[in-house]
Amino acid sequence: MNIKIDFNIVCGMDLNCKENEIVQDIVKDTIKELEEKIKSSLESKKEWVPEIGKLYYKINAYGEVVKSTFTNFSIGRNCLDIGNAFRTKEEAQFELERRKIEAIMKKYSRSFEHEEENYYIFYAYSNKSICISSRIRTDDGIPYFESKKMAQKVIDEIGEDRLKKYWFRVEE
């Protein structure tokens, strides 16, 4: 990525040479920082595949985060294919907590029922809170509950802080 700027347009003709140089340096540094952030962001979104023989983390059948060596054979590939291969222990632990919440949601949820009240849990950024609402005609493919009371039971069992952090990925 290479961004070009005509500093005479940006700065105008009123700046003296020294001021123009200072502005150019600030703009160039800012552009360089932005390019690095964009590049880093794009790289983090790419599909990650561990190198053969390198360590990765996964969640085992006992619900534990464990290290494993990537072999590109069926076990390693299967972990990768189902989203159970992680770069760091922290990423795997985060996903484990998210899956625990998902299991509780599934335990109490039901399929969407058209023309019936379908209660769901959401995060309101406006007041930084966990809320409950309902839908009658629109199925967003999220967990729905038969009543507001059931949705509140889920919130109480999981805890608002855990819901914010692991389900909605909100950092406060």
C-alpha atoms as a PDB file:
ATOM      1  CA  MET A   1       0.000   0.000   0.000  1.00  0.00           C
ATOM      2  CA  ASN A   2       1.474   3.312  -1.009  1.00  0.00           C
ATOM      3  CA  ILE A   3      -0.419   6.533  -0.416  1.00  0.00           C
ATOM      4  CA  LYS A   4       0.611   9.700  -2.270  1.00  0.00           C
ATOM      5  CA  ILE A   5      -0.304  13.183  -1.077  1.00  0.00           C
ATOM      6  CA  ASP A   6       0.180  16.563  -2.723  1.00  0.00           C
ATOM      7  CA  PHE A   7       1.198  18.639   0.300  1.00  0.00           C
ATOM      8  CA  ASN A   8       0.565  21.924  -1.480  1.00  0.00           C
ATOM      9  CA  ILE A   9      -3.120  20.978  -1.612  1.00  0.00           C
ATOM     10  CA  VAL A  10      -3.219  19.591   1.929  1.00  0.00           C
ATOM     11  CA  CYS A  11      -1.271  22.422   3.554  1.00  0.00           C
ATOM     12  CA  GLY A  12      -2.208  25.286   1.310  1.00  0.00           C
ATOM     13  CA  MET A  13       0.206  27.860   0.048  1.00  0.00           C
ATOM     14  CA  ASP A  14       0.235  29.896   3.269  1.00  0.00           C
ATOM     15  CA  LEU A  15       2.790  27.709   5.096  1.00  0.00           C
ATOM     16  CA  ASN A  16       6.471  28.548   5.036  1.00  0.00           C
ATOM     17  CA  CYS A  17       8.994  25.850   4.134  1.00  0.00           C
ATOM     18  CA  LYS A  18       9.710  24.824   7.755  1.00  0.00           C
ATOM     19  CA  GLU A  19       6.015  24.530   8.646  1.00  0.00           C
ATOM     20  CA  ASN A  20       5.393  22.583   5.448  1.00  0.00           C
ATOM     21  CA  GLU A  21       8.196  20.133   6.327  1.00  0.00           C
ATOM     22  CA  ILE A  22       6.797  19.618   9.834  1.00  0.00           C
ATOM     23  CA  VAL A  23       3.291  18.974   8.476  1.00  0.00           C
ATOM     24  CA  GLN A  24       4.700  16.587   5.851  1.00  0.00           C
ATOM     25  CA  ASP A  25       6.593  14.627   8.528  1.00  0.00           C
ATOM     26  CA  ILE A  26       3.491  14.365  10.736  1.00  0.00           C
ATOM     27  CA  VAL A  27       1.297  13.260   7.827  1.00  0.00           C
ATOM     28  CA  LYS A  28       3.881  10.740   6.596  1.00  0.00           C
ATOM     29  CA  ASP A  29       4.256   9.250  10.100  1.00  0.00           C
ATOM     30  CA  THR A  30       0.480   9.036  10.485  1.00  0.00           C
ATOM     31  CA  ILE A  31       0.107   7.359   7.093  1.00  0.00           C
ATOM     32  CA  LYS A  32       2.857   4.867   7.951  1.00  0.00           C
ATOM     33  CA  GLU A  33       1.122   3.996  11.252  1.00  0.00           C
ATOM     34  CA  LEU A  34      -2.228   3.543   9.498  1.00  0.00           C
ATOM     35  CA  GLU A  35      -0.693   1.344   6.795  1.00  0.00           C
ATOM     36  CA  GLU A  36       0.880  -0.871   9.487  1.00  0.00           C
ATOM     37  CA  LYS A  37      -2.429  -1.151  11.375  1.00  0.00           C
ATOM     38  CA  ILE A  38      -4.297  -2.028   8.179  1.00  0.00           C
ATOM     39  CA  LYS A  39      -1.692  -4.632   7.221  1.00  0.00           C
ATOM     40  CA  SER A  40      -1.776  -6.147  10.714  1.00  0.00           C
ATOM     41  CA  SER A  41      -5.576  -6.222  10.713  1.00  0.00           C
ATOM     42  CA  LEU A  42      -5.714  -7.930   7.315  1.00  0.00           C
ATOM     43  CA  GLU A  43      -3.126 -10.521   8.364  1.00  0.00           C
ATOM     44  CA  SER A  44      -5.015 -11.357  11.551  1.00  0.00           C
ATOM     45  CA  LYS A  45      -8.180 -12.034   9.526  1.00  0.00           C
ATOM     46  CA  LYS A  46      -6.456 -14.505   7.188  1.00  0.00           C
ATOM     47  CA  GLU A  47      -7.082 -18.166   7.807  1.00  0.00           C
ATOM     48  CA  TRP A  48      -4.363 -19.385  10.113  1.00  0.00           C
ATOM     49  CA  VAL A  49      -2.820 -22.779   9.485  1.00  0.00           C
ATOM     50  CA  PRO A  50      -0.128 -23.996  11.866  1.00  0.00           C
ATOM     51  CA  GLU A  51       3.106 -25.108  10.279  1.00  0.00           C
ATOM     52  CA  ILE A  52       3.733 -28.861  10.319  1.00  0.00           C
ATOM     53  CA  GLY A  53       5.608 -29.764  13.482  1.00  0.00           C
ATOM     54  CA  LYS A  54       4.651 -26.529  15.264  1.00  0.00           C
ATOM     55  CA  LEU A  55       2.631 -26.281  18.466  1.00  0.00           C
ATOM     56  CA  TYR A  56      -0.957 -25.112  18.551  1.00  0.00           C
ATOM     57  CA  TYR A  57      -3.680 -25.224  21.182  1.00  0.00           C
ATOM     58  CA  LYS A  58      -6.983 -27.048  21.092  1.00  0.00           C
ATOM     59  CA  ILE A  59      -9.905 -27.924  23.343  1.00  0.00           C
ATOM     60  CA  ASN A  60      -9.918 -31.652  24.054  1.00  0.00           C
ATOM     61  CA  ALA A  61     -12.882 -33.961  24.708  1.00  0.00           C
ATOM     62  CA  TYR A  62     -12.646 -33.238  28.457  1.00  0.00           C
ATOM     63  CA  GLY A  63     -13.078 -29.490  27.951  1.00  0.00           C
ATOM     64  CA  GLU A  64      -9.429 -28.754  28.669  1.00  0.00           C
ATOM     65  CA  VAL A  65      -7.100 -26.507  26.701  1.00  0.00           C
ATOM     66  CA  VAL A  66      -4.097 -28.557  25.625  1.00  0.00           C
ATOM     67  CA  LYS A  67      -1.018 -28.117  23.446  1.00  0.00           C
ATOM     68  CA  SER A  68      -0.642 -30.284  20.394  1.00  0.00           C
ATOM     69  CA  THR A  69       1.804 -30.619  17.531  1.00  0.00           C
ATOM     70  CA  PHE A  70       0.350 -30.005  14.098  1.00  0.00           C
ATOM     71  CA  THR A  71       0.892 -32.946  11.742  1.00  0.00           C
ATOM     72  CA  ASN A  72      -1.506 -32.165   8.875  1.00  0.00           C
ATOM     73  CA  PHE A  73      -2.939 -35.647   9.338  1.00  0.00           C
ATOM     74  CA  SER A  74      -6.595 -36.242  10.150  1.00  0.00           C
ATOM     75  CA  ILE A  75      -6.562 -35.174  13.821  1.00  0.00           C
ATOM     76  CA  GLY A  76      -4.738 -31.906  13.172  1.00  0.00           C
ATOM     77  CA  ARG A  77      -6.695 -31.151   9.999  1.00  0.00           C
ATOM     78  CA  ASN A  78     -10.000 -31.975  11.700  1.00  0.00           C
ATOM     79  CA  CYS A  79      -9.207 -29.600  14.575  1.00  0.00           C
ATOM     80  CA  LEU A  80      -8.431 -26.901  12.031  1.00  0.00           C
ATOM     81  CA  ASP A  81     -11.536 -27.634   9.923  1.00  0.00           C
ATOM     82  CA  ILE A  82     -13.945 -27.364  12.883  1.00  0.00           C
ATOM     83  CA  GLY A  83     -12.338 -24.245  14.348  1.00  0.00           C
ATOM     84  CA  ASN A  84     -10.592 -26.029  17.210  1.00  0.00           C
ATOM     85  CA  ALA A  85      -6.997 -24.994  16.492  1.00  0.00           C
ATOM     86  CA  PHE A  86      -5.686 -21.846  18.148  1.00  0.00           C
ATOM     87  CA  ARG A  87      -2.451 -19.855  17.979  1.00  0.00           C
ATOM     88  CA  THR A  88      -2.339 -19.151  21.696  1.00  0.00           C
ATOM     89  CA  LYS A  89      -3.543 -20.673  24.927  1.00  0.00           C
ATOM     90  CA  GLU A  90      -5.491 -17.460  25.615  1.00  0.00           C
ATOM     91  CA  GLU A  91      -7.422 -17.751  22.314  1.00  0.00           C
ATOM     92  CA  ALA A  92      -8.319 -21.364  23.145  1.00  0.00           C
ATOM     93  CA  GLN A  93      -9.395 -20.476  26.695  1.00  0.00           C
ATOM     94  CA  PHE A  94     -11.572 -17.649  25.358  1.00  0.00           C
ATOM     95  CA  GLU A  95     -13.245 -20.023  22.898  1.00  0.00           C
ATOM     96  CA  LEU A  96     -13.770 -22.613  25.639  1.00  0.00           C
ATOM     97  CA  GLU A  97     -15.621 -20.035  27.748  1.00  0.00           C
ATOM     98  CA  ARG A  98     -17.669 -18.955  24.715  1.00  0.00           C
ATOM     99  CA  ARG A  99     -18.643 -22.578  24.049  1.00  0.00           C
ATOM    100  CA  LYS A 100     -19.717 -23.058  27.676  1.00  0.00           C
ATOM    101  CA  ILE A 101     -22.047 -20.087  27.274  1.00  0.00           C
ATOM    102  CA  GLU A 102     -23.323 -21.485  23.989  1.00  0.00           C
ATOM    103  CA  ALA A 103     -24.116 -24.800  25.727  1.00  0.00           C
ATOM    104  CA  ILE A 104     -26.186 -22.998  28.376  1.00  0.00           C
ATOM    105  CA  MET A 105     -27.986 -21.023  25.663  1.00  0.00           C
ATOM    106  CA  LYS A 106     -28.799 -24.250  23.788  1.00  0.00           C
ATOM    107  CA  LYS A 107     -30.036 -25.920  26.964  1.00  0.00           C
ATOM    108  CA  TYR A 108     -32.750 -23.296  27.440  1.00  0.00           C
ATOM    109  CA  SER A 109     -33.408 -22.126  23.890  1.00  0.00           C
ATOM    110  CA  ARG A 110     -35.886 -23.339  21.313  1.00  0.00           C
ATOM    111  CA  SER A 111     -36.384 -22.950  17.586  1.00  0.00           C
ATOM    112  CA  PHE A 112     -37.907 -19.744  16.271  1.00  0.00           C
ATOM    113  CA  GLU A 113     -41.705 -19.952  16.148  1.00  0.00           C
ATOM    114  CA  HIS A 114     -43.280 -17.728  13.504  1.00  0.00           C
ATOM    115  CA  GLU A 115     -46.083 -15.466  14.799  1.00  0.00           C
ATOM    116  CA  GLU A 116     -45.149 -16.301  18.410  1.00  0.00           C
ATOM    117  CA  GLU A 117     -43.065 -14.325  20.912  1.00  0.00           C
ATOM    118  CA  ASN A 118     -39.425 -15.356  20.528  1.00  0.00           C
ATOM    119  CA  TYR A 119     -37.327 -13.795  23.278  1.00  0.00           C
ATOM    120  CA  TYR A 120     -33.624 -13.185  22.777  1.00  0.00           C
ATOM    121  CA  ILE A 121     -30.704 -11.615  24.603  1.00  0.00           C
ATOM    122  CA  PHE A 122     -28.733  -8.705  23.147  1.00  0.00           C
ATOM    123  CA  TYR A 123     -26.149  -6.143  24.170  1.00  0.00           C
ATOM    124  CA  ALA A 124     -27.164  -2.470  24.033  1.00  0.00           C
ATOM    125  CA  TYR A 125     -24.125  -0.318  23.332  1.00  0.00           C
ATOM    126  CA  SER A 126     -26.092   2.828  24.159  1.00  0.00           C
ATOM    127  CA  ASN A 127     -26.265   1.992  27.860  1.00  0.00           C
ATOM    128  CA  LYS A 128     -23.712  -0.842  28.002  1.00  0.00           C
ATOM    129  CA  SER A 129     -26.181  -3.411  29.255  1.00  0.00           C
ATOM    130  CA  ILE A 130     -27.532  -6.864  28.559  1.00  0.00           C
ATOM    131  CA  CYS A 131     -31.179  -6.660  27.471  1.00  0.00           C
ATOM    132  CA  ILE A 132     -34.054  -8.913  26.447  1.00  0.00           C
ATOM    133  CA  SER A 133     -36.405  -8.340  23.548  1.00  0.00           C
ATOM    134  CA  SER A 134     -38.592 -10.436  21.288  1.00  0.00           C
ATOM    135  CA  ARG A 135     -39.342 -11.060  17.642  1.00  0.00           C
ATOM    136  CA  ILE A 136     -42.459 -12.432  16.018  1.00  0.00           C
ATOM    137  CA  ARG A 137     -41.702 -12.546  12.297  1.00  0.00           C
ATOM    138  CA  THR A 138     -37.921 -12.267  11.840  1.00  0.00           C
ATOM    139  CA  ASP A 139     -35.584 -15.186  12.566  1.00  0.00           C
ATOM    140  CA  ASP A 140     -31.961 -14.040  12.867  1.00  0.00           C
ATOM    141  CA  GLY A 141     -30.653 -17.535  13.584  1.00  0.00           C
ATOM    142  CA  ILE A 142     -29.814 -16.729  17.216  1.00  0.00           C
ATOM    143  CA  PRO A 143     -30.904 -18.514  20.393  1.00  0.00           C
ATOM    144  CA  TYR A 144     -34.569 -17.800  21.198  1.00  0.00           C
ATOM    145  CA  PHE A 145     -36.366 -18.451  24.457  1.00  0.00           C
ATOM    146  CA  GLU A 146     -40.026 -19.184  25.152  1.00  0.00           C
ATOM    147  CA  SER A 147     -40.400 -16.369  27.683  1.00  0.00           C
ATOM    148  CA  LYS A 148     -38.736 -13.289  29.080  1.00  0.00           C
ATOM    149  CA  LYS A 149     -38.406 -15.197  32.353  1.00  0.00           C
ATOM    150  CA  MET A 150     -36.455 -17.985  30.590  1.00  0.00           C
ATOM    151  CA  ALA A 151     -34.127 -15.459  28.915  1.00  0.00           C
ATOM    152  CA  GLN A 152     -33.512 -13.837  32.306  1.00  0.00           C
ATOM    153  CA  LYS A 153     -32.749 -17.263  33.781  1.00  0.00           C
ATOM    154  CA  VAL A 154     -30.056 -17.700  31.113  1.00  0.00           C
ATOM    155  CA  ILE A 155     -28.579 -14.277  31.906  1.00  0.00           C
ATOM    156  CA  ASP A 156     -28.554 -15.096  35.623  1.00  0.00           C
ATOM    157  CA  GLU A 157     -26.951 -18.512  35.099  1.00  0.00           C
ATOM    158  CA  ILE A 158     -24.229 -17.210  32.784  1.00  0.00           C
ATOM    159  CA  GLY A 159     -23.711 -13.817  34.428  1.00  0.00           C
ATOM    160  CA  GLU A 160     -23.789 -10.451  32.693  1.00  0.00           C
ATOM    161  CA  ASP A 161     -20.022  -9.949  32.773  1.00  0.00           C
ATOM    162  CA  ARG A 162     -19.358 -13.343  31.143  1.00  0.00           C
ATOM    163  CA  LEU A 163     -22.030 -12.682  28.520  1.00  0.00           C
ATOM    164  CA  LYS A 164     -20.514  -9.313  27.665  1.00  0.00           C
ATOM    165  CA  LYS A 165     -16.968 -10.636  27.439  1.00  0.00           C
ATOM    166  CA  TYR A 166     -17.356 -14.049  25.810  1.00  0.00           C
ATOM    167  CA  TRP A 167     -20.661 -13.953  23.911  1.00  0.00           C
ATOM    168  CA  PHE A 168     -20.842 -10.342  22.762  1.00  0.00           C
ATOM    169  CA  ARG A 169     -17.054  -9.773  22.854  1.00  0.00           C
ATOM    170  CA  VAL A 170     -17.452  -6.420  24.561  1.00  0.00           C
ATOM    171  CA  GLU A 171     -14.417  -5.077  26.363  1.00  0.00           C
ATOM    172  CA  GLU A 172     -15.225  -2.598  29.096  1.00  0.00           C
END
